[in-house]
Amino acid sequence: MDLPATRYQGPPPGTPSLRRDFLQAAINLFGFQEVNPNLDRILKDQGVNYGAVIDRTGPICLRRISIEDESGLYEYDDELGEPGFILAVHAIDAETAIDLIAWPIRRPEMFAPHFGYAGLLGGDAAVNPASFVDAPCPIWATPLSWLQADLRGCVVLDPCLGAPILRQAPGPFQCENTDHAKWLVDSGAIAMSELWVPSRRFVA
């Protein structure tokens, strides 16, 4: 399983530099982007109910993107890039947009942020007691899996930034499989005592 590596994060959320960068990215993404008439169909083909998630995610856009090997960040590339989905990443208040995340339509495991400022996608669920009432809160391996689950749970985008948020959680988490569990634990995102693996209580 190809999962994102830890990377340099740049200015922390809330700095003037981040706000300027994010505003410019938002303008580039949404301000001049016509709604793709095939978006609903493409998302539905991938198991995503756009109408059920848009109120929380905000718009999901289609753009051609490329992912830089050195930085692990995505860039807009209308000439040579792959068609990909892009959506905003919000802080744990579920309102403040702090980054953008993108992935190629045909390679959802290759997701990448635009700035590298966010630790979790769906971080509000990770600290909400309601996420842990009936079962451990899911940690999905990809943003697409999170969308397919109607936004239940979260996705670790960067383990260094995500770990402090996961430590605030009021209960345990469940990952997708043993490979995912190994990455989460080895990267320091979460302690093995707080992680459930399908068919196993803890990751060894």
Protein backbone atom coordinates (compact mmCIF):
# COMPACT_ATOMS: atom_id res chain seq x y z
CA MET A 1 0.00 0.00 0.00
CA ASP A 2 1.44 3.37 -1.03
CA LEU A 3 0.83 5.86 1.75
CA PRO A 4 2.05 9.44 2.12
CA ALA A 5 5.42 10.12 3.71
CA THR A 6 6.00 12.77 6.36
CA ARG A 7 6.97 16.05 4.73
CA TYR A 8 7.95 19.62 5.55
CA GLN A 9 4.80 21.50 6.45
CA GLY A 10 5.65 25.18 5.94
CA PRO A 11 3.92 27.89 7.99
CA PRO A 12 1.42 26.61 10.57
CA PRO A 13 -2.34 27.08 10.07
CA GLY A 14 -3.56 30.59 10.85
CA THR A 15 -0.50 32.50 9.63
CA PRO A 16 -0.97 35.34 7.12
CA SER A 17 1.15 33.41 4.63
CA LEU A 18 -1.12 30.38 4.80
CA ARG A 19 -4.26 32.48 4.48
CA ARG A 20 -2.90 34.23 1.38
CA ASP A 21 -1.78 30.96 -0.19
CA PHE A 22 -5.07 29.22 0.54
CA LEU A 23 -7.13 32.13 -0.75
CA GLN A 24 -5.19 32.12 -4.01
CA ALA A 25 -5.58 28.36 -4.37
CA ALA A 26 -9.29 28.61 -3.65
CA ILE A 27 -9.66 31.26 -6.33
CA ASN A 28 -7.75 29.13 -8.82
CA LEU A 29 -9.83 26.08 -7.98
CA PHE A 30 -13.34 27.45 -7.56
CA GLY A 31 -13.39 31.01 -8.89
CA PHE A 32 -12.92 30.18 -12.56
CA GLN A 33 -14.03 26.57 -12.58
CA GLU A 34 -17.23 25.66 -14.39
CA VAL A 35 -19.22 22.82 -12.86
CA ASN A 36 -18.42 19.61 -14.70
CA PRO A 37 -21.74 18.12 -15.86
CA ASN A 38 -20.30 14.61 -15.43
CA LEU A 39 -19.16 15.10 -11.83
CA ASP A 40 -22.17 13.45 -10.17
CA ARG A 41 -21.94 10.45 -12.49
CA ILE A 42 -18.20 10.03 -12.04
CA LEU A 43 -18.51 10.18 -8.25
CA LYS A 44 -21.47 7.78 -8.30
CA ASP A 45 -19.44 5.32 -10.38
CA GLN A 46 -16.85 5.40 -7.59
CA GLY A 47 -19.43 4.77 -4.88
CA VAL A 48 -19.78 8.36 -3.66
CA ASN A 49 -23.15 10.00 -2.98
CA TYR A 50 -22.22 13.63 -3.70
CA GLY A 51 -25.54 14.98 -2.46
CA ALA A 52 -25.01 13.32 0.92
CA VAL A 53 -21.56 14.82 1.53
CA ILE A 54 -21.42 18.23 -0.15
CA ASP A 55 -22.84 20.16 2.80
CA ARG A 56 -19.83 19.12 4.87
CA THR A 57 -17.09 18.81 2.26
CA GLY A 58 -17.99 21.80 0.15
CA PRO A 59 -17.54 21.52 -3.62
CA ILE A 60 -15.58 18.64 -5.10
CA CYS A 61 -13.88 19.70 -8.31
CA LEU A 62 -12.28 17.96 -11.27
CA ARG A 63 -8.92 19.29 -12.47
CA ARG A 64 -5.84 17.89 -14.11
CA ILE A 65 -3.14 17.50 -11.48
CA SER A 66 0.39 16.24 -11.03
CA ILE A 67 2.06 15.18 -7.78
CA GLU A 68 5.62 16.35 -7.20
CA ASP A 69 7.96 13.49 -6.28
CA GLU A 70 10.21 15.59 -4.04
CA SER A 71 7.64 17.57 -2.06
CA GLY A 72 4.72 15.14 -2.17
CA LEU A 73 2.42 18.07 -2.98
CA TYR A 74 0.06 18.33 -5.93
CA GLU A 75 0.06 21.05 -8.56
CA TYR A 76 -2.45 22.02 -11.24
CA ASP A 77 -1.27 20.74 -14.61
CA ASP A 78 -3.83 21.34 -17.34
CA GLU A 79 -1.51 20.07 -20.09
CA LEU A 80 0.14 16.89 -18.80
CA GLY A 81 -1.66 16.14 -15.54
CA GLU A 82 -4.06 13.31 -14.72
CA PRO A 83 -7.77 14.03 -14.18
CA GLY A 84 -8.28 14.19 -10.43
CA PHE A 85 -10.67 15.11 -7.65
CA ILE A 86 -9.95 18.08 -5.38
CA LEU A 87 -11.69 19.11 -2.18
CA ALA A 88 -11.01 21.28 0.85
CA VAL A 89 -9.60 19.98 4.13
CA HIS A 90 -11.14 21.54 7.23
CA ALA A 91 -9.83 22.04 10.75
CA ILE A 92 -11.46 20.21 13.67
CA ASP A 93 -14.05 22.98 13.88
CA ALA A 94 -15.40 21.56 10.58
CA GLU A 95 -15.59 25.10 9.18
CA THR A 96 -12.10 26.52 8.69
CA ALA A 97 -10.51 25.37 5.43
CA ILE A 98 -6.78 24.82 5.96
CA ASP A 99 -5.66 22.93 2.86
CA LEU A 100 -6.74 21.19 -0.35
CA ILE A 101 -6.39 17.48 -1.04
CA ALA A 102 -6.33 15.86 -4.48
CA TRP A 103 -5.95 12.44 -6.03
CA PRO A 104 -6.04 11.01 -9.58
CA ILE A 105 -9.40 9.47 -10.43
CA ARG A 106 -7.78 6.17 -11.42
CA ARG A 107 -5.28 6.10 -8.54
CA PRO A 108 -7.12 7.10 -5.35
CA GLU A 109 -4.31 5.81 -3.14
CA MET A 110 -1.97 8.49 -4.53
CA PHE A 111 -3.55 11.43 -2.71
CA ALA A 112 -1.58 14.59 -1.98
CA PRO A 113 -2.18 17.98 -0.32
CA HIS A 114 -1.62 21.31 -2.01
CA PHE A 115 0.26 22.94 0.89
CA GLY A 116 0.89 20.19 3.45
CA TYR A 117 -0.71 22.05 6.36
CA ALA A 118 -3.37 19.48 7.38
CA GLY A 119 -2.91 16.36 9.48
CA LEU A 120 -6.36 14.83 9.09
CA LEU A 121 -9.24 14.84 6.68
CA GLY A 122 -12.40 14.63 8.77
CA GLY A 123 -10.58 15.71 11.90
CA ASP A 124 -13.82 16.91 13.49
CA ALA A 125 -15.03 13.30 13.63
CA ALA A 126 -11.84 12.21 15.38
CA VAL A 127 -12.61 14.39 18.41
CA ASN A 128 -16.40 13.99 18.42
CA PRO A 129 -17.67 11.52 21.07
CA ALA A 130 -20.56 10.62 18.75
CA SER A 131 -18.05 8.97 16.39
CA PHE A 132 -17.26 6.33 19.03
CA VAL A 133 -20.71 5.42 20.37
CA ASP A 134 -21.44 2.20 18.49
CA ALA A 135 -17.95 1.17 17.36
CA PRO A 136 -14.39 2.50 17.07
CA CYS A 137 -14.08 5.55 14.84
CA PRO A 138 -12.81 4.51 11.38
CA ILE A 139 -9.49 5.72 10.02
CA TRP A 140 -9.67 5.26 6.26
CA ALA A 141 -6.62 4.75 4.07
CA THR A 142 -7.74 7.20 1.35
CA PRO A 143 -9.98 10.23 0.95
CA LEU A 144 -12.07 8.25 -1.54
CA SER A 145 -12.84 5.62 1.12
CA TRP A 146 -13.87 8.44 3.47
CA LEU A 147 -16.26 9.82 0.85
CA GLN A 148 -17.66 6.36 0.16
CA ALA A 149 -18.39 6.03 3.90
CA ASP A 150 -20.40 9.28 3.82
CA LEU A 151 -17.66 11.06 5.82
CA ARG A 152 -17.78 8.79 8.86
CA GLY A 153 -14.34 8.76 10.47
CA CYS A 154 -11.16 10.38 9.18
CA VAL A 155 -8.06 9.99 7.02
CA VAL A 156 -4.50 10.58 8.21
CA LEU A 157 -2.87 12.90 5.70
CA ASP A 158 0.27 13.59 7.69
CA PRO A 159 1.14 11.53 10.79
CA CYS A 160 3.14 14.27 12.53
CA LEU A 161 0.31 16.78 12.29
CA GLY A 162 -2.43 14.21 12.77
CA ALA A 163 -1.07 12.53 15.91
CA PRO A 164 -1.84 15.40 18.35
CA ILE A 165 -5.45 15.44 17.14
CA LEU A 166 -5.84 11.66 17.39
CA ARG A 167 -4.52 11.81 20.97
CA GLN A 168 -7.51 14.01 21.86
CA ALA A 169 -9.94 11.30 20.77
CA PRO A 170 -12.45 10.00 23.36
CA GLY A 171 -12.16 6.40 22.16
CA PRO A 172 -10.28 3.89 19.97
CA PHE A 173 -9.99 3.85 16.20
CA GLN A 174 -10.29 1.11 13.59
CA CYS A 175 -8.17 1.03 10.44
CA GLU A 176 -8.79 -0.74 7.14
CA ASN A 177 -6.28 -3.61 7.25
CA THR A 178 -2.92 -4.75 8.64
CA ASP A 179 -0.84 -2.81 6.10
CA HIS A 180 -2.69 0.36 6.99
CA ALA A 181 -2.27 -0.41 10.70
CA LYS A 182 1.48 -0.89 10.31
CA TRP A 183 1.86 2.47 8.57
CA LEU A 184 -0.23 4.29 11.17
CA VAL A 185 1.73 2.85 14.08
CA ASP A 186 5.21 2.98 12.52
CA SER A 187 4.67 6.60 11.43
CA GLY A 188 3.71 7.62 14.97
CA ALA A 189 0.20 8.68 14.01
CA ILE A 190 -1.40 6.55 16.72
CA ALA A 191 -0.42 4.20 19.53
CA MET A 192 -1.08 0.53 18.91
CA SER A 193 -3.15 0.34 22.10
CA GLU A 194 -5.66 2.76 20.56
CA LEU A 195 -6.02 1.00 17.22
CA TRP A 196 -8.30 -1.87 16.23
CA VAL A 197 -7.49 -3.93 13.15
CA PRO A 198 -10.20 -5.99 11.40
CA SER A 199 -10.23 -9.49 12.94
CA ARG A 200 -7.57 -8.47 15.46
CA ARG A 201 -7.80 -6.47 18.70
CA PHE A 202 -4.50 -4.62 18.43
CA VAL A 203 -1.73 -4.34 15.91
CA ALA A 204 1.43 -6.17 17.04
